[in-house]
N, C-alpha and C. Protein backbone atom coordinates (compact mmCIF):
# COMPACT_ATOMS: atom_id res chain seq x y z
N MET A 1 105.40 74.05 89.47
CA MET A 1 106.16 72.93 88.92
C MET A 1 107.10 72.43 90.28
N LEU A 2 108.09 73.46 90.32
CA LEU A 2 109.42 72.93 91.29
C LEU A 2 108.08 72.54 92.42
N ALA A 3 107.18 73.96 93.07
CA ALA A 3 106.79 72.96 94.28
C ALA A 3 105.64 72.20 94.25
N GLU A 4 105.44 71.45 92.90
CA GLU A 4 104.50 70.18 93.09
C GLU A 4 105.24 69.54 92.89
N ALA A 5 106.61 69.56 92.42
CA ALA A 5 108.02 68.16 92.14
C ALA A 5 108.55 67.67 93.86
N THR A 6 108.63 69.21 94.36
CA THR A 6 109.34 68.54 95.76
C THR A 6 108.45 67.84 96.44
N ALA A 7 106.93 68.68 96.92
CA ALA A 7 105.73 67.69 97.61
C ALA A 7 105.87 66.81 97.42
N THR A 8 105.49 66.07 95.91
CA THR A 8 105.43 65.06 95.75
C THR A 8 106.35 64.38 96.46
N GLU A 9 107.50 64.55 96.06
CA GLU A 9 109.22 63.82 96.27
C GLU A 9 108.87 63.37 98.39
N VAL A 10 109.16 64.76 98.90
CA VAL A 10 108.52 64.80 100.08
C VAL A 10 107.44 63.77 101.11
N SER A 11 106.16 63.75 99.61
CA SER A 11 105.11 63.18 100.54
C SER A 11 105.70 61.49 99.95
N ILE A 12 106.54 60.98 99.06
CA ILE A 12 107.10 59.67 99.38
C ILE A 12 107.57 59.14 100.47
N VAL A 13 108.64 60.64 100.48
CA VAL A 13 109.59 59.79 101.73
C VAL A 13 108.80 60.03 103.24
N GLN A 14 107.73 60.98 103.41
CA GLN A 14 107.20 61.05 105.04
C GLN A 14 106.10 60.37 104.65
N GLN A 15 105.40 59.80 103.50
CA GLN A 15 104.08 59.81 103.85
C GLN A 15 103.16 59.60 105.21
N PRO A 16 102.49 61.12 104.36
CA PRO A 16 101.53 62.06 105.11
C PRO A 16 100.53 61.00 105.27
N ALA A 17 99.80 61.14 106.76
CA ALA A 17 98.42 60.67 107.16
C ALA A 17 97.44 61.71 106.74
N GLY A 18 96.28 61.91 106.24
CA GLY A 18 95.48 62.59 106.31
C GLY A 18 95.40 64.49 105.92
N PHE A 19 94.62 64.92 106.08
CA PHE A 19 94.73 66.62 105.48
C PHE A 19 95.60 67.20 105.78
N ASN A 20 95.96 67.30 107.02
CA ASN A 20 97.06 68.07 108.34
C ASN A 20 98.44 67.59 107.48
N GLU A 21 98.80 66.34 107.41
CA GLU A 21 100.28 66.55 107.33
C GLU A 21 100.26 66.70 105.84
N SER A 22 99.16 66.42 104.87
CA SER A 22 99.65 66.61 103.53
C SER A 22 99.45 68.39 103.15
N ALA A 23 98.91 68.85 103.75
CA ALA A 23 99.52 70.01 103.80
C ALA A 23 100.95 71.00 104.13
N ALA A 24 100.39 70.29 105.02
CA ALA A 24 102.28 70.76 105.63
C ALA A 24 103.30 69.96 104.58
N VAL A 25 103.03 69.03 104.10
CA VAL A 25 104.20 69.00 103.01
C VAL A 25 103.84 69.55 101.42
N ALA A 26 102.56 70.01 101.62
CA ALA A 26 102.71 71.04 100.53
C ALA A 26 102.85 72.22 100.57
N LYS A 27 103.02 72.50 102.39
CA LYS A 27 103.46 74.01 102.86
C LYS A 27 105.01 74.00 102.12
N GLU A 28 105.47 72.74 102.53
CA GLU A 28 107.33 72.49 102.32
C GLU A 28 107.92 72.88 101.32
N GLY A 29 106.60 72.10 99.95
CA GLY A 29 107.27 72.51 98.92
C GLY A 29 107.11 73.71 98.52
N ALA A 30 106.02 74.23 98.61
CA ALA A 30 105.92 75.69 97.92
C ALA A 30 107.26 76.54 98.71
N LYS A 31 107.73 76.40 99.89
CA LYS A 31 109.09 76.42 100.72
C LYS A 31 110.17 76.47 99.86
N ALA A 32 110.11 75.32 99.46
CA ALA A 32 111.73 75.03 98.58
C ALA A 32 111.50 75.86 97.43
N ALA A 33 110.66 76.07 96.70
CA ALA A 33 110.46 76.31 95.28
C ALA A 33 110.51 78.00 95.59
N LYS A 34 109.80 78.38 96.32
CA LYS A 34 110.29 80.32 97.03
C LYS A 34 111.45 80.46 97.15
N VAL A 35 112.24 79.55 98.05
CA VAL A 35 113.99 79.67 98.12
C VAL A 35 114.49 79.65 97.19
N ALA A 36 114.30 78.43 95.90
CA ALA A 36 114.46 78.53 94.73
C ALA A 36 114.43 79.41 93.78
N ARG A 37 113.87 80.13 93.85
CA ARG A 37 113.15 81.55 93.04
C ARG A 37 113.88 82.91 93.32
N GLU A 38 114.25 82.85 94.52
CA GLU A 38 114.43 83.62 95.11
C GLU A 38 116.13 83.70 94.68
N GLN A 39 117.05 82.67 94.39
CA GLN A 39 118.39 82.41 94.44
C GLN A 39 118.56 82.78 92.64
N ILE A 40 117.64 82.14 91.86
CA ILE A 40 117.96 82.33 90.86
C ILE A 40 117.59 83.77 90.43
N GLU A 41 116.94 84.53 90.46
CA GLU A 41 116.35 85.99 90.66
C GLU A 41 117.97 86.49 91.42
N LYS A 42 118.50 86.46 92.78
CA LYS A 42 119.65 86.92 93.04
C LYS A 42 120.58 86.55 91.88
N SER A 43 120.94 85.81 91.58
CA SER A 43 122.05 84.61 90.33
C SER A 43 121.84 86.13 89.15
N THR A 44 120.44 86.15 88.77
CA THR A 44 120.49 86.45 87.48
C THR A 44 120.63 88.25 87.28
N GLY A 45 119.54 88.42 88.81
CA GLY A 45 119.63 90.05 88.33
C GLY A 45 118.14 90.36 87.81
N LYS A 46 117.21 89.35 87.35
CA LYS A 46 115.42 89.23 86.97
C LYS A 46 115.19 88.29 87.28
N SER A 47 114.24 88.90 87.33
CA SER A 47 112.28 88.08 87.82
C SER A 47 112.49 86.61 86.87
N ALA A 48 112.59 85.82 88.08
CA ALA A 48 112.04 84.54 87.16
C ALA A 48 110.71 84.07 87.05
N ILE A 49 109.91 85.06 87.31
CA ILE A 49 108.50 85.14 87.06
C ILE A 49 107.87 85.48 85.43
N SER A 50 107.18 84.64 85.11
CA SER A 50 106.98 85.27 83.41
C SER A 50 105.33 85.01 83.05
N SER A 51 104.74 85.76 82.27
CA SER A 51 103.62 86.00 81.55
C SER A 51 103.58 84.72 80.61
N LEU A 52 104.60 84.30 80.55
CA LEU A 52 104.15 83.06 78.88
C LEU A 52 104.40 81.81 79.60
N ASN A 53 103.88 80.81 79.47
CA ASN A 53 103.09 79.96 78.73
C ASN A 53 104.47 78.87 79.42
N ALA A 54 104.44 78.21 79.68
CA ALA A 54 106.08 77.26 80.33
C ALA A 54 106.45 76.67 78.35
N LYS A 55 105.53 76.08 77.65
CA LYS A 55 105.62 75.60 76.58
C LYS A 55 106.25 76.34 75.56
N ASN A 56 105.98 77.64 75.73
CA ASN A 56 107.01 78.53 74.98
C ASN A 56 107.92 78.81 75.54
N LEU A 57 108.73 79.32 75.98
CA LEU A 57 109.86 80.02 76.61
C LEU A 57 110.76 78.82 75.66
N GLY A 58 111.90 79.97 75.70
CA GLY A 58 112.74 79.16 74.95
C GLY A 58 112.76 79.70 73.29
N GLN A 59 111.30 80.22 73.24
CA GLN A 59 110.80 80.10 71.37
C GLN A 59 110.95 81.57 71.17
N LYS A 60 111.54 81.97 70.08
CA LYS A 60 111.73 83.63 69.29
C LYS A 60 110.32 83.44 68.56
N LYS A 61 110.13 84.72 68.61
CA LYS A 61 109.12 85.41 68.17
C LYS A 61 109.57 85.20 66.77
N GLN A 62 108.17 85.07 65.59
CA GLN A 62 108.55 84.86 63.88
C GLN A 62 107.05 86.06 63.69
N ILE A 63 108.46 87.09 63.50
CA ILE A 63 107.06 88.17 63.13
C ILE A 63 106.84 87.94 61.83
N GLY A 64 105.45 88.22 61.31
CA GLY A 64 104.89 87.98 59.85
C GLY A 64 104.27 86.30 59.50
N LYS A 65 104.99 85.92 60.15
CA LYS A 65 104.34 83.83 59.64
C LYS A 65 103.56 83.10 61.14
N LYS A 66 103.08 82.56 60.23
CA LYS A 66 101.86 81.75 61.07
C LYS A 66 101.92 80.30 61.40
């Protein structure tokens, strides 16, 4: 999600023309997200990657309840 948000902001500023320039903007967004993920992992000592769905993050499992 951070990569997409970053790429959108960069795209608004740079206004890429054509596929190659848009691809470069997308790569820039991905690079920014990678750097942020690595910093988070360095700061917390935990992986920032999870198999959880984003809408379920922060919710506690309730055993036996539907």
